[in-house]
Amino acid sequence: MTYRSGRILGVEPNDIRLLLDVGKLALAALVAAIAAAITRSVVHELHPFFFLTVTGVVFLLTYVSAILLLGVVTNEERELLRVKLSRLHFLETRSGNN
């Protein structure tokens, strides 16, 4: 079934490299989930709000770090993110003066 679908869509063996980033994202999610699970076992006695907050922050920081270390984000995407964040900062400081 998969082979036939691939032939109909014109998928070539070289196209497998396009799925590498998907694998890297899966690996990053796995690493972040493990880090969150370890954190969960440490902070299990916290109030549910703080428990969820702490484990969520650990997952987020681990996931972002992993995708940066694995090279999922290109230099162009990093630059675009930097520009968007600097605009957000500009709007924030501008609205604070009113």
Protein backbone atom coordinates (compact mmCIF):
# COMPACT_ATOMS: atom_id res chain seq x y z
CA MET A 1 0.00 0.00 0.00
CA THR A 2 2.69 2.51 0.99
CA TYR A 3 4.87 1.58 -1.96
CA ARG A 4 1.96 1.98 -4.35
CA SER A 5 0.98 5.34 -2.85
CA GLY A 6 4.56 6.50 -3.19
CA ARG A 7 4.65 5.54 -6.85
CA ILE A 8 1.38 7.36 -7.53
CA LEU A 9 2.71 10.50 -5.83
CA GLY A 10 6.07 10.24 -7.59
CA VAL A 11 8.12 9.78 -4.42
CA GLU A 12 11.74 8.87 -5.07
CA PRO A 13 14.24 7.21 -2.72
CA ASN A 14 16.10 10.53 -2.45
CA ASP A 15 12.99 12.10 -0.91
CA ILE A 16 13.57 10.21 2.34
CA ARG A 17 16.00 12.94 3.40
CA LEU A 18 13.04 15.31 3.56
CA LEU A 19 11.73 13.27 6.49
CA LEU A 20 14.91 13.65 8.54
CA ASP A 21 13.62 16.74 10.32
CA VAL A 22 10.46 14.87 11.29
CA GLY A 23 12.64 12.23 12.92
CA LYS A 24 14.67 14.91 14.68
CA LEU A 25 11.46 16.48 16.01
CA ALA A 26 10.32 13.08 17.28
CA LEU A 27 13.66 12.59 19.01
CA ALA A 28 13.45 16.07 20.56
CA ALA A 29 9.93 15.31 21.83
CA LEU A 30 11.12 12.00 23.30
CA VAL A 31 14.03 13.66 25.11
CA ALA A 32 11.76 16.42 26.42
CA ALA A 33 9.18 13.87 27.59
CA ILE A 34 11.85 11.95 29.49
CA ALA A 35 13.08 15.15 31.13
CA ALA A 36 9.50 16.09 32.07
CA ALA A 37 8.89 12.60 33.50
CA ILE A 38 12.02 12.83 35.64
CA THR A 39 10.92 16.27 36.83
CA ARG A 40 7.46 14.89 37.52
CA SER A 41 8.88 12.27 39.87
CA VAL A 42 10.79 14.97 41.75
CA VAL A 43 8.00 17.56 42.13
CA HIS A 44 5.02 15.22 42.54
CA GLU A 45 4.04 16.75 45.91
CA LEU A 46 3.50 20.27 44.58
CA HIS A 47 0.08 21.85 44.15
CA PRO A 48 -1.32 20.75 40.75
CA PHE A 49 -0.93 24.23 39.22
CA PHE A 50 2.75 24.46 40.13
CA PHE A 51 3.29 20.80 39.25
CA LEU A 52 1.94 21.40 35.74
CA THR A 53 3.82 24.68 35.39
CA VAL A 54 7.19 23.23 36.42
CA THR A 55 6.92 20.11 34.26
CA GLY A 56 5.64 22.17 31.31
CA VAL A 57 8.55 24.61 31.55
CA VAL A 58 11.04 21.74 31.74
CA PHE A 59 9.45 20.13 28.67
CA LEU A 60 9.47 23.44 26.76
CA LEU A 61 13.08 24.31 27.54
CA THR A 62 14.30 20.78 26.80
CA TYR A 63 12.35 20.59 23.53
CA VAL A 64 13.55 23.97 22.28
CA SER A 65 17.13 23.17 23.26
CA ALA A 66 16.94 19.81 21.51
CA ILE A 67 15.58 21.20 18.23
CA LEU A 68 18.28 23.86 18.24
CA LEU A 69 21.03 21.33 18.98
CA LEU A 70 19.73 18.88 16.36
CA GLY A 71 19.75 21.59 13.70
CA VAL A 72 16.06 21.46 12.86
CA VAL A 73 15.81 25.25 12.76
CA THR A 74 17.72 26.82 9.87
CA ASN A 75 19.72 30.03 10.14
CA GLU A 76 17.06 31.82 8.09
CA GLU A 77 14.35 30.69 10.50
CA ARG A 78 16.45 31.81 13.48
CA GLU A 79 16.90 35.23 11.90
CA LEU A 80 13.17 35.51 11.19
CA LEU A 81 12.42 34.61 14.81
CA ARG A 82 14.93 37.20 16.03
CA VAL A 83 13.29 39.89 13.89
CA LYS A 84 9.78 38.95 15.05
CA LEU A 85 10.85 38.98 18.71
CA SER A 86 12.59 42.33 18.33
CA ARG A 87 9.40 43.79 16.82
CA LEU A 88 7.41 42.38 19.72
CA HIS A 89 9.87 43.95 22.16
CA PHE A 90 9.61 47.26 20.28
CA LEU A 91 5.81 47.21 20.50
CA GLU A 92 5.97 46.30 24.17
CA THR A 93 8.31 49.17 25.07
CA ARG A 94 6.33 51.57 22.90
CA SER A 95 3.01 50.71 24.56
CA GLY A 96 4.65 51.06 28.01
CA ASN A 97 5.37 54.74 27.32
CA ASN A 98 1.69 55.63 26.82
